[in-house]
Amino acid sequence: MRHLTRRTALALPWGLLAACAGRDPVTAATAAGPLLEVAPAAAGRGFSQGGLALGRVPPGSRVSLDGRAVRVGPDGRFAIGFAREAEGDARLAVAAPDGRSEIRSLSVLKRDWQVQRINGLPQAMVSPDARQLARIGRERAKLAEIRKLDSELPHFAEGFVWPAQGRISGVFGSQRILNGEPRAPHLGLDIAAPTGTPVTPMGAGRVVLAEDLYFTGQTVLVDHGHGVVSLYAHLSQMDVRTGEMLARGQPLGAIGATGRATGPHLHLGLHWLTTALDPQAVLPAA
C-alpha cells in the first residue's frame, strides 16, 4: 500500500485511518509522514462545532488542545472535542518522547442551529421554586464533578451505535423556547419512541451515575474513557447501577417521560470532559 500523504490522512475517518495505519503507532506515524494523526470521529465530516475527533501519536507523547493537556493512551490514541460555540482554528500540539514536535491548526466549521419551540410543559418545570432550585443546584454540582472524569478506559475509540430505535424529535444545538420563554441550547439528541422501548449504551463503558434527577428524570451516565461520557435521560426504568461495566448492546434501561418531558423519548447526551458534543455526529447514518 502506498504511504498516506498528510492531506489524505486528515481526510480519512478515524476507523479507516486506523485500519490503513494498522501497524505499531510509532511505525504508522513515521510511515505516514506526520507525527500526529487526527480525524473527525464521524466519517465524511470535517472538524466542526459540537464534533468529536480521534487521533494517534507515538506512545509516551504529550498532547494539548489550545494549551489544555489531553490524555494519551498507552497505544497513543486520544480524543478531543469542540464546543457548540467554538470558532476559528483550534491549536493541537504534540511533543514526542524522541524530541520531535508538531503543531496542527484545525479549522472548526461553523454550523447553523435550529430553533425549537416546546409548549405544554408544567410551569413548575419551566420556573422551579426555591426548594426545587436547591435540588437542581446539588445535582448540577454532582454532574460537574462527573464532567471532570478523565479515565484510562479505551472504549471511546471503538465506535458508537444507536442506543434506541425511534423518531428524531430534537437535535443538538437547537435554541429552545419553552412555553414561550427562550432557554439555553439543547445539548443532546432526542429519540421519540413508546415507553418501555429498550435502551442500550452507545458503546462499552462504566456506569458513573444512575439516579433520578429533577430535569432529566431517571438518568444514566456511561464513561467510555478519556473524558468521553454519554448520557441517557427521561428513562422509565434503569437496569444498571453505578460502577457497573457495560458491553455495547447490553440492556441499560427503557425509554420514558420522567423529569422535564412532554412525552416518552430518550434524551441522548455526549460530552468530552466539560464540552457538550453532538451525539448524532458520531452515530452511523440512519
C-alpha atoms as a PDB file:
ATOM      1  CA  MET A   1       0.000   0.000   0.000  1.00  0.00           C
ATOM      2  CA  ARG A   2       1.340   3.469  -0.814  1.00  0.00           C
ATOM      3  CA  HIS A   3       2.165   5.697   2.132  1.00  0.00           C
ATOM      4  CA  LEU A   4      -0.539   8.168   3.104  1.00  0.00           C
ATOM      5  CA  THR A   5       0.158  11.827   2.497  1.00  0.00           C
ATOM      6  CA  ARG A   6      -0.598  14.371   5.212  1.00  0.00           C
ATOM      7  CA  ARG A   7      -3.663  15.665   3.326  1.00  0.00           C
ATOM      8  CA  THR A   8      -5.012  12.172   2.628  1.00  0.00           C
ATOM      9  CA  ALA A   9      -4.582  11.082   6.253  1.00  0.00           C
ATOM     10  CA  LEU A  10      -6.506  14.074   7.512  1.00  0.00           C
ATOM     11  CA  ALA A  11      -9.380  13.380   5.120  1.00  0.00           C
ATOM     12  CA  LEU A  12      -9.917   9.820   6.339  1.00  0.00           C
ATOM     13  CA  PRO A  13     -12.455   8.950   9.068  1.00  0.00           C
ATOM     14  CA  TRP A  14     -10.766   7.571  12.186  1.00  0.00           C
ATOM     15  CA  GLY A  15     -11.770   3.939  11.675  1.00  0.00           C
ATOM     16  CA  LEU A  16     -10.385   3.898   8.134  1.00  0.00           C
ATOM     17  CA  LEU A  17      -7.327   5.879   9.147  1.00  0.00           C
ATOM     18  CA  ALA A  18      -6.598   3.375  11.911  1.00  0.00           C
ATOM     19  CA  ALA A  19      -7.095   0.464   9.537  1.00  0.00           C
ATOM     20  CA  CYS A  20      -4.724   1.957   6.983  1.00  0.00           C
ATOM     21  CA  ALA A  21      -2.181   2.679   9.685  1.00  0.00           C
ATOM     22  CA  GLY A  22      -2.809  -0.779  11.283  1.00  0.00           C
ATOM     23  CA  ARG A  23       0.774  -1.180  12.485  1.00  0.00           C
ATOM     24  CA  ASP A  24       2.653  -0.154  15.574  1.00  0.00           C
ATOM     25  CA  PRO A  25       1.633   3.508  16.283  1.00  0.00           C
ATOM     26  CA  VAL A  26       5.197   4.846  16.032  1.00  0.00           C
ATOM     27  CA  THR A  27       5.831   2.994  12.776  1.00  0.00           C
ATOM     28  CA  ALA A  28       2.476   4.084  11.360  1.00  0.00           C
ATOM     29  CA  ALA A  29       3.033   7.737  12.218  1.00  0.00           C
ATOM     30  CA  THR A  30       6.538   7.685  10.745  1.00  0.00           C
ATOM     31  CA  ALA A  31       5.411   5.908   7.579  1.00  0.00           C
ATOM     32  CA  ALA A  32       2.557   8.365   7.075  1.00  0.00           C
ATOM     33  CA  GLY A  33       4.897  11.336   7.378  1.00  0.00           C
ATOM     34  CA  PRO A  34       3.262  13.483  10.065  1.00  0.00           C
ATOM     35  CA  LEU A  35       3.957  12.855  13.722  1.00  0.00           C
ATOM     36  CA  LEU A  36       0.296  13.492  14.525  1.00  0.00           C
ATOM     37  CA  GLU A  37      -2.734  11.706  13.035  1.00  0.00           C
ATOM     38  CA  VAL A  38      -6.160  13.148  13.805  1.00  0.00           C
ATOM     39  CA  ALA A  39      -9.549  12.897  12.096  1.00  0.00           C
ATOM     40  CA  PRO A  40     -13.228  13.575  12.898  1.00  0.00           C
ATOM     41  CA  ALA A  41     -14.930  10.642  14.625  1.00  0.00           C
ATOM     42  CA  ALA A  42     -17.759  10.925  12.071  1.00  0.00           C
ATOM     43  CA  ALA A  43     -16.979   9.744   8.550  1.00  0.00           C
ATOM     44  CA  GLY A  44     -17.433  12.362   5.862  1.00  0.00           C
ATOM     45  CA  ARG A  45     -17.431  15.332   8.238  1.00  0.00           C
ATOM     46  CA  GLY A  46     -14.788  17.941   8.901  1.00  0.00           C
ATOM     47  CA  PHE A  47     -13.861  19.261  12.326  1.00  0.00           C
ATOM     48  CA  SER A  48     -16.997  21.127  13.361  1.00  0.00           C
ATOM     49  CA  GLN A  49     -18.810  22.746  16.260  1.00  0.00           C
ATOM     50  CA  GLY A  50     -20.063  20.030  18.614  1.00  0.00           C
ATOM     51  CA  GLY A  51     -17.794  17.461  16.977  1.00  0.00           C
ATOM     52  CA  LEU A  52     -15.619  14.698  18.438  1.00  0.00           C
ATOM     53  CA  ALA A  53     -12.217  13.937  16.895  1.00  0.00           C
ATOM     54  CA  LEU A  54      -9.898  10.989  17.475  1.00  0.00           C
ATOM     55  CA  GLY A  55      -6.164  10.862  16.992  1.00  0.00           C
ATOM     56  CA  ARG A  56      -2.983   8.907  17.427  1.00  0.00           C
ATOM     57  CA  VAL A  57       0.573   9.869  18.286  1.00  0.00           C
ATOM     58  CA  PRO A  58       3.644   7.823  19.262  1.00  0.00           C
ATOM     59  CA  PRO A  59       3.081   6.286  22.736  1.00  0.00           C
ATOM     60  CA  GLY A  60       4.502   8.445  25.510  1.00  0.00           C
ATOM     61  CA  SER A  61       3.818  11.699  23.636  1.00  0.00           C
ATOM     62  CA  ARG A  62       2.281  14.764  25.265  1.00  0.00           C
ATOM     63  CA  VAL A  63      -0.728  16.327  23.504  1.00  0.00           C
ATOM     64  CA  SER A  64      -2.551  19.590  24.163  1.00  0.00           C
ATOM     65  CA  LEU A  65      -5.557  21.336  22.612  1.00  0.00           C
ATOM     66  CA  ASP A  66      -5.407  25.130  22.857  1.00  0.00           C
ATOM     67  CA  GLY A  67      -2.984  24.703  25.761  1.00  0.00           C
ATOM     68  CA  ARG A  68      -5.157  22.172  27.600  1.00  0.00           C
ATOM     69  CA  ALA A  69      -3.463  18.830  28.295  1.00  0.00           C
ATOM     70  CA  VAL A  70      -5.097  15.827  26.576  1.00  0.00           C
ATOM     71  CA  ARG A  71      -4.895  12.269  27.910  1.00  0.00           C
ATOM     72  CA  VAL A  72      -2.939   9.911  25.655  1.00  0.00           C
ATOM     73  CA  GLY A  73      -3.454   6.152  25.988  1.00  0.00           C
ATOM     74  CA  PRO A  74      -0.688   3.547  26.093  1.00  0.00           C
ATOM     75  CA  ASP A  75      -1.303   2.920  22.383  1.00  0.00           C
ATOM     76  CA  GLY A  76      -1.005   6.632  21.565  1.00  0.00           C
ATOM     77  CA  ARG A  77      -4.722   7.212  20.987  1.00  0.00           C
ATOM     78  CA  PHE A  78      -6.555  10.293  22.234  1.00  0.00           C
ATOM     79  CA  ALA A  79      -9.884  12.125  21.944  1.00  0.00           C
ATOM     80  CA  ILE A  80     -10.706  15.836  21.656  1.00  0.00           C
ATOM     81  CA  GLY A  81     -13.972  17.752  21.268  1.00  0.00           C
ATOM     82  CA  PHE A  82     -15.165  21.131  20.018  1.00  0.00           C
ATOM     83  CA  ALA A  83     -17.880  23.163  21.750  1.00  0.00           C
ATOM     84  CA  ARG A  84     -21.087  24.353  20.117  1.00  0.00           C
ATOM     85  CA  GLU A  85     -19.727  27.906  20.241  1.00  0.00           C
ATOM     86  CA  ALA A  86     -16.202  27.041  19.017  1.00  0.00           C
ATOM     87  CA  GLU A  87     -14.959  29.413  16.321  1.00  0.00           C
ATOM     88  CA  GLY A  88     -11.910  29.738  14.128  1.00  0.00           C
ATOM     89  CA  ASP A  89      -8.935  27.423  14.405  1.00  0.00           C
ATOM     90  CA  ALA A  90      -8.029  25.114  17.276  1.00  0.00           C
ATOM     91  CA  ARG A  91      -4.353  24.559  18.090  1.00  0.00           C
ATOM     92  CA  LEU A  92      -3.367  20.922  18.564  1.00  0.00           C
ATOM     93  CA  ALA A  93       0.211  20.315  19.721  1.00  0.00           C
ATOM     94  CA  VAL A  94       2.205  17.128  20.263  1.00  0.00           C
ATOM     95  CA  ALA A  95       5.642  16.526  21.774  1.00  0.00           C
ATOM     96  CA  ALA A  96       7.023  13.024  21.163  1.00  0.00           C
ATOM     97  CA  PRO A  97       9.395  11.235  23.547  1.00  0.00           C
ATOM     98  CA  ASP A  98      12.142  11.277  20.897  1.00  0.00           C
ATOM     99  CA  GLY A  99      12.173  15.083  20.900  1.00  0.00           C
ATOM    100  CA  ARG A 100      10.100  15.653  17.774  1.00  0.00           C
ATOM    101  CA  SER A 101       7.166  18.046  17.978  1.00  0.00           C
ATOM    102  CA  GLU A 102       4.341  19.257  15.772  1.00  0.00           C
ATOM    103  CA  ILE A 103       1.598  21.874  15.956  1.00  0.00           C
ATOM    104  CA  ARG A 104      -1.532  21.443  13.852  1.00  0.00           C
ATOM    105  CA  SER A 105      -4.138  24.130  13.220  1.00  0.00           C
ATOM    106  CA  LEU A 106      -7.621  22.584  12.949  1.00  0.00           C
ATOM    107  CA  SER A 107     -10.285  24.696  11.253  1.00  0.00           C
ATOM    108  CA  VAL A 108     -13.561  24.264  13.155  1.00  0.00           C
ATOM    109  CA  LEU A 109     -16.532  24.533  10.809  1.00  0.00           C
ATOM    110  CA  LYS A 110     -19.467  26.685  11.912  1.00  0.00           C
ATOM    111  CA  ARG A 111     -22.929  25.107  11.925  1.00  0.00           C
ATOM    112  CA  ASP A 112     -26.450  26.540  11.615  1.00  0.00           C
ATOM    113  CA  TRP A 113     -28.692  25.754  14.581  1.00  0.00           C
ATOM    114  CA  GLN A 114     -32.434  25.137  14.562  1.00  0.00           C
ATOM    115  CA  VAL A 115     -34.969  26.952  16.739  1.00  0.00           C
ATOM    116  CA  GLN A 116     -37.171  24.506  18.661  1.00  0.00           C
ATOM    117  CA  ARG A 117     -40.399  25.594  20.396  1.00  0.00           C
ATOM    118  CA  ILE A 118     -41.806  23.362  23.137  1.00  0.00           C
ATOM    119  CA  ASN A 119     -45.162  24.217  24.701  1.00  0.00           C
ATOM    120  CA  GLY A 120     -47.333  22.460  27.259  1.00  0.00           C
ATOM    121  CA  LEU A 121     -44.676  21.925  29.939  1.00  0.00           C
ATOM    122  CA  PRO A 122     -45.879  22.251  33.562  1.00  0.00           C
ATOM    123  CA  GLN A 123     -44.956  25.784  34.639  1.00  0.00           C
ATOM    124  CA  ALA A 124     -43.187  24.429  37.737  1.00  0.00           C
ATOM    125  CA  MET A 125     -40.743  22.619  35.455  1.00  0.00           C
ATOM    126  CA  VAL A 126     -40.061  25.819  33.490  1.00  0.00           C
ATOM    127  CA  SER A 127     -39.748  28.072  36.555  1.00  0.00           C
ATOM    128  CA  PRO A 128     -38.776  25.944  39.614  1.00  0.00           C
ATOM    129  CA  ASP A 129     -39.424  27.201  43.165  1.00  0.00           C
ATOM    130  CA  ALA A 130     -36.711  27.763  45.808  1.00  0.00           C
ATOM    131  CA  ARG A 131     -36.728  24.167  47.100  1.00  0.00           C
ATOM    132  CA  GLN A 132     -36.514  22.778  43.586  1.00  0.00           C
ATOM    133  CA  LEU A 133     -33.734  25.223  42.725  1.00  0.00           C
ATOM    134  CA  ALA A 134     -31.717  23.930  45.691  1.00  0.00           C
ATOM    135  CA  ARG A 135     -32.103  20.377  44.422  1.00  0.00           C
ATOM    136  CA  ILE A 136     -31.156  21.452  40.913  1.00  0.00           C
ATOM    137  CA  GLY A 137     -28.023  23.120  42.302  1.00  0.00           C
ATOM    138  CA  ARG A 138     -26.934  19.947  44.092  1.00  0.00           C
ATOM    139  CA  GLU A 139     -27.496  17.844  41.007  1.00  0.00           C
ATOM    140  CA  ARG A 140     -25.620  20.266  38.778  1.00  0.00           C
ATOM    141  CA  ALA A 141     -22.664  20.176  41.167  1.00  0.00           C
ATOM    142  CA  LYS A 142     -22.637  16.368  41.031  1.00  0.00           C
ATOM    143  CA  LEU A 143     -22.739  16.399  37.229  1.00  0.00           C
ATOM    144  CA  ALA A 144     -19.954  18.994  37.145  1.00  0.00           C
ATOM    145  CA  GLU A 145     -17.735  16.627  39.130  1.00  0.00           C
ATOM    146  CA  ILE A 146     -18.505  13.789  36.732  1.00  0.00           C
ATOM    147  CA  ARG A 147     -17.569  16.057  33.798  1.00  0.00           C
ATOM    148  CA  LYS A 148     -14.029  16.205  35.211  1.00  0.00           C
ATOM    149  CA  LEU A 149     -13.662  12.427  34.850  1.00  0.00           C
ATOM    150  CA  ASP A 150     -10.742  11.525  32.587  1.00  0.00           C
ATOM    151  CA  SER A 151     -10.337   7.768  32.966  1.00  0.00           C
ATOM    152  CA  GLU A 152      -7.996   5.352  31.188  1.00  0.00           C
ATOM    153  CA  LEU A 153     -10.837   3.335  29.626  1.00  0.00           C
ATOM    154  CA  PRO A 154     -10.155   2.768  25.894  1.00  0.00           C
ATOM    155  CA  HIS A 155     -13.735   2.331  24.647  1.00  0.00           C
ATOM    156  CA  PHE A 156     -14.031   5.856  23.177  1.00  0.00           C
ATOM    157  CA  ALA A 157     -12.010   4.628  20.175  1.00  0.00           C
ATOM    158  CA  GLU A 158     -14.201   1.580  19.433  1.00  0.00           C
ATOM    159  CA  GLY A 159     -17.005   3.436  17.635  1.00  0.00           C
ATOM    160  CA  PHE A 160     -20.610   4.036  18.682  1.00  0.00           C
ATOM    161  CA  VAL A 161     -24.038   2.602  17.824  1.00  0.00           C
ATOM    162  CA  TRP A 162     -27.599   3.879  18.165  1.00  0.00           C
ATOM    163  CA  PRO A 163     -28.840   3.247  21.717  1.00  0.00           C
ATOM    164  CA  ALA A 164     -32.523   3.048  20.730  1.00  0.00           C
ATOM    165  CA  GLN A 165     -34.767   2.999  17.683  1.00  0.00           C
ATOM    166  CA  GLY A 166     -37.263   5.809  17.145  1.00  0.00           C
ATOM    167  CA  ARG A 167     -38.053   9.144  15.527  1.00  0.00           C
ATOM    168  CA  ILE A 168     -35.612  12.034  15.912  1.00  0.00           C
ATOM    169  CA  SER A 169     -37.646  14.680  17.758  1.00  0.00           C
ATOM    170  CA  GLY A 170     -34.896  17.055  18.845  1.00  0.00           C
ATOM    171  CA  VAL A 171     -31.390  17.796  17.616  1.00  0.00           C
ATOM    172  CA  PHE A 172     -28.199  19.043  19.229  1.00  0.00           C
ATOM    173  CA  GLY A 173     -27.554  22.771  19.378  1.00  0.00           C
ATOM    174  CA  SER A 174     -31.094  23.948  18.703  1.00  0.00           C
ATOM    175  CA  GLN A 175     -32.263  27.058  20.541  1.00  0.00           C
ATOM    176  CA  ARG A 176     -35.132  26.015  22.819  1.00  0.00           C
ATOM    177  CA  ILE A 177     -38.140  28.191  23.612  1.00  0.00           C
ATOM    178  CA  LEU A 178     -40.112  26.600  26.476  1.00  0.00           C
ATOM    179  CA  ASN A 179     -43.688  27.792  26.940  1.00  0.00           C
ATOM    180  CA  GLY A 180     -42.680  30.928  25.037  1.00  0.00           C
ATOM    181  CA  GLU A 181     -39.539  31.620  27.119  1.00  0.00           C
ATOM    182  CA  PRO A 182     -36.100  31.396  25.418  1.00  0.00           C
ATOM    183  CA  ARG A 183     -33.803  28.915  27.164  1.00  0.00           C
ATOM    184  CA  ALA A 184     -30.310  27.508  26.802  1.00  0.00           C
ATOM    185  CA  PRO A 185     -29.489  25.498  23.673  1.00  0.00           C
ATOM    186  CA  HIS A 186     -30.493  21.846  23.551  1.00  0.00           C
ATOM    187  CA  LEU A 187     -27.289  19.893  24.158  1.00  0.00           C
ATOM    188  CA  GLY A 188     -28.370  16.424  23.124  1.00  0.00           C
ATOM    189  CA  LEU A 189     -30.309  14.285  20.668  1.00  0.00           C
ATOM    190  CA  ASP A 190     -33.927  13.281  21.320  1.00  0.00           C
ATOM    191  CA  ILE A 191     -35.228   9.908  20.104  1.00  0.00           C
ATOM    192  CA  ALA A 192     -39.003   9.563  20.467  1.00  0.00           C
ATOM    193  CA  ALA A 193     -40.434   6.064  20.968  1.00  0.00           C
ATOM    194  CA  PRO A 194     -43.081   4.370  23.148  1.00  0.00           C
ATOM    195  CA  THR A 195     -42.485   4.000  26.869  1.00  0.00           C
ATOM    196  CA  GLY A 196     -40.619   0.786  27.547  1.00  0.00           C
ATOM    197  CA  THR A 197     -38.595   0.809  24.312  1.00  0.00           C
ATOM    198  CA  PRO A 198     -35.209  -0.761  25.184  1.00  0.00           C
ATOM    199  CA  VAL A 199     -32.152   1.460  25.571  1.00  0.00           C
ATOM    200  CA  THR A 200     -28.558   0.210  25.340  1.00  0.00           C
ATOM    201  CA  PRO A 201     -25.276   2.128  25.713  1.00  0.00           C
ATOM    202  CA  MET A 202     -23.719   3.757  22.638  1.00  0.00           C
ATOM    203  CA  GLY A 203     -20.551   1.850  23.445  1.00  0.00           C
ATOM    204  CA  ALA A 204     -18.855  -0.151  26.160  1.00  0.00           C
ATOM    205  CA  GLY A 205     -18.020   1.636  29.390  1.00  0.00           C
ATOM    206  CA  ARG A 206     -18.563   2.072  33.105  1.00  0.00           C
ATOM    207  CA  VAL A 207     -21.758   3.467  34.669  1.00  0.00           C
ATOM    208  CA  VAL A 208     -20.759   6.587  36.609  1.00  0.00           C
ATOM    209  CA  LEU A 209     -24.278   7.704  37.559  1.00  0.00           C
ATOM    210  CA  ALA A 210     -27.699   6.056  37.718  1.00  0.00           C
ATOM    211  CA  GLU A 211     -30.106   8.372  39.556  1.00  0.00           C
ATOM    212  CA  ASP A 212     -33.424  10.198  39.348  1.00  0.00           C
ATOM    213  CA  LEU A 213     -32.672  13.887  38.598  1.00  0.00           C
ATOM    214  CA  TYR A 214     -35.007  16.886  38.530  1.00  0.00           C
ATOM    215  CA  PHE A 215     -34.744  17.892  34.880  1.00  0.00           C
ATOM    216  CA  THR A 216     -33.708  14.625  33.233  1.00  0.00           C
ATOM    217  CA  GLY A 217     -35.627  12.132  35.386  1.00  0.00           C
ATOM    218  CA  GLN A 218     -34.160   8.646  35.618  1.00  0.00           C
ATOM    219  CA  THR A 219     -30.717   9.224  34.181  1.00  0.00           C
ATOM    220  CA  VAL A 220     -27.691   7.043  33.415  1.00  0.00           C
ATOM    221  CA  LEU A 221     -24.190   8.262  32.519  1.00  0.00           C
ATOM    222  CA  VAL A 222     -21.609   5.921  30.964  1.00  0.00           C
ATOM    223  CA  ASP A 223     -17.869   6.649  30.880  1.00  0.00           C
ATOM    224  CA  HIS A 224     -16.178   5.466  27.667  1.00  0.00           C
ATOM    225  CA  GLY A 225     -12.749   6.792  28.650  1.00  0.00           C
ATOM    226  CA  HIS A 226     -10.545   9.842  28.043  1.00  0.00           C
ATOM    227  CA  GLY A 227     -13.325  12.233  29.100  1.00  0.00           C
ATOM    228  CA  VAL A 228     -15.924  10.841  26.670  1.00  0.00           C
ATOM    229  CA  VAL A 229     -19.168  10.259  28.616  1.00  0.00           C
ATOM    230  CA  SER A 230     -22.652   9.508  27.248  1.00  0.00           C
ATOM    231  CA  LEU A 231     -25.945  10.363  28.989  1.00  0.00           C
ATOM    232  CA  TYR A 232     -29.358   8.636  28.777  1.00  0.00           C
ATOM    233  CA  ALA A 233     -32.243  10.652  30.242  1.00  0.00           C
ATOM    234  CA  HIS A 234     -36.017  10.512  30.876  1.00  0.00           C
ATOM    235  CA  LEU A 235     -35.862   6.722  31.296  1.00  0.00           C
ATOM    236  CA  SER A 236     -38.903   4.849  32.576  1.00  0.00           C
ATOM    237  CA  GLN A 237     -36.576   2.355  34.265  1.00  0.00           C
ATOM    238  CA  MET A 238     -32.866   1.920  34.931  1.00  0.00           C
ATOM    239  CA  ASP A 239     -31.443  -1.603  34.703  1.00  0.00           C
ATOM    240  CA  VAL A 240     -27.893  -0.735  35.789  1.00  0.00           C
ATOM    241  CA  ARG A 241     -26.087   0.572  38.852  1.00  0.00           C
ATOM    242  CA  THR A 242     -23.218   3.000  39.403  1.00  0.00           C
ATOM    243  CA  GLY A 243     -19.875   1.258  38.980  1.00  0.00           C
ATOM    244  CA  GLU A 244     -21.174  -1.465  36.666  1.00  0.00           C
ATOM    245  CA  MET A 245     -19.225  -2.232  33.475  1.00  0.00           C
ATOM    246  CA  LEU A 246     -21.396  -2.424  30.348  1.00  0.00           C
ATOM    247  CA  ALA A 247     -20.783  -4.012  26.985  1.00  0.00           C
ATOM    248  CA  ARG A 248     -22.068  -2.342  23.832  1.00  0.00           C
ATOM    249  CA  GLY A 249     -25.636  -3.556  23.277  1.00  0.00           C
ATOM    250  CA  GLN A 250     -26.202  -4.590  26.895  1.00  0.00           C
ATOM    251  CA  PRO A 251     -29.616  -3.508  28.326  1.00  0.00           C
ATOM    252  CA  LEU A 252     -29.333  -0.197  30.165  1.00  0.00           C
ATOM    253  CA  GLY A 253     -32.943   0.834  30.703  1.00  0.00           C
ATOM    254  CA  ALA A 254     -36.072   1.837  28.800  1.00  0.00           C
ATOM    255  CA  ILE A 255     -37.456   4.981  27.215  1.00  0.00           C
ATOM    256  CA  GLY A 256     -39.847   7.010  29.332  1.00  0.00           C
ATOM    257  CA  ALA A 257     -41.009  10.544  30.139  1.00  0.00           C
ATOM    258  CA  THR A 258     -39.569  11.150  33.616  1.00  0.00           C
ATOM    259  CA  GLY A 259     -38.232  14.578  34.583  1.00  0.00           C
ATOM    260  CA  ARG A 260     -38.978  17.549  32.327  1.00  0.00           C
ATOM    261  CA  ALA A 261     -40.531  15.862  29.304  1.00  0.00           C
ATOM    262  CA  THR A 262     -43.743  16.282  27.316  1.00  0.00           C
ATOM    263  CA  GLY A 263     -43.776  12.688  26.085  1.00  0.00           C
ATOM    264  CA  PRO A 264     -41.760   9.477  26.025  1.00  0.00           C
ATOM    265  CA  HIS A 265     -38.344   9.868  24.443  1.00  0.00           C
ATOM    266  CA  LEU A 266     -34.662   9.274  25.075  1.00  0.00           C
ATOM    267  CA  HIS A 267     -32.527  12.364  25.543  1.00  0.00           C
ATOM    268  CA  LEU A 268     -29.063  11.224  24.478  1.00  0.00           C
ATOM    269  CA  GLY A 269     -26.130  13.373  25.532  1.00  0.00           C
ATOM    270  CA  LEU A 270     -22.402  13.190  24.855  1.00  0.00           C
ATOM    271  CA  HIS A 271     -19.551  15.093  26.484  1.00  0.00           C
ATOM    272  CA  TRP A 272     -15.804  15.356  26.193  1.00  0.00           C
ATOM    273  CA  LEU A 273     -14.999  16.489  29.731  1.00  0.00           C
ATOM    274  CA  THR A 274     -16.985  19.732  30.165  1.00  0.00           C
ATOM    275  CA  THR A 275     -17.592  20.164  26.422  1.00  0.00           C
ATOM    276  CA  ALA A 276     -21.022  19.094  25.167  1.00  0.00           C
ATOM    277  CA  LEU A 277     -20.905  17.281  21.818  1.00  0.00           C
ATOM    278  CA  ASP A 278     -23.425  16.273  19.149  1.00  0.00           C
ATOM    279  CA  PRO A 279     -24.209  12.541  19.653  1.00  0.00           C
ATOM    280  CA  GLN A 280     -25.736  12.191  16.188  1.00  0.00           C
ATOM    281  CA  ALA A 281     -22.436  13.172  14.594  1.00  0.00           C
ATOM    282  CA  VAL A 282     -20.709  10.027  15.880  1.00  0.00           C
ATOM    283  CA  LEU A 283     -23.557   7.581  15.165  1.00  0.00           C
ATOM    284  CA  PRO A 284     -23.977   5.563  11.942  1.00  0.00           C
ATOM    285  CA  ALA A 285     -26.158   7.164   9.273  1.00  0.00           C
ATOM    286  CA  ALA A 286     -29.789   6.314   9.985  1.00  0.00           C
END
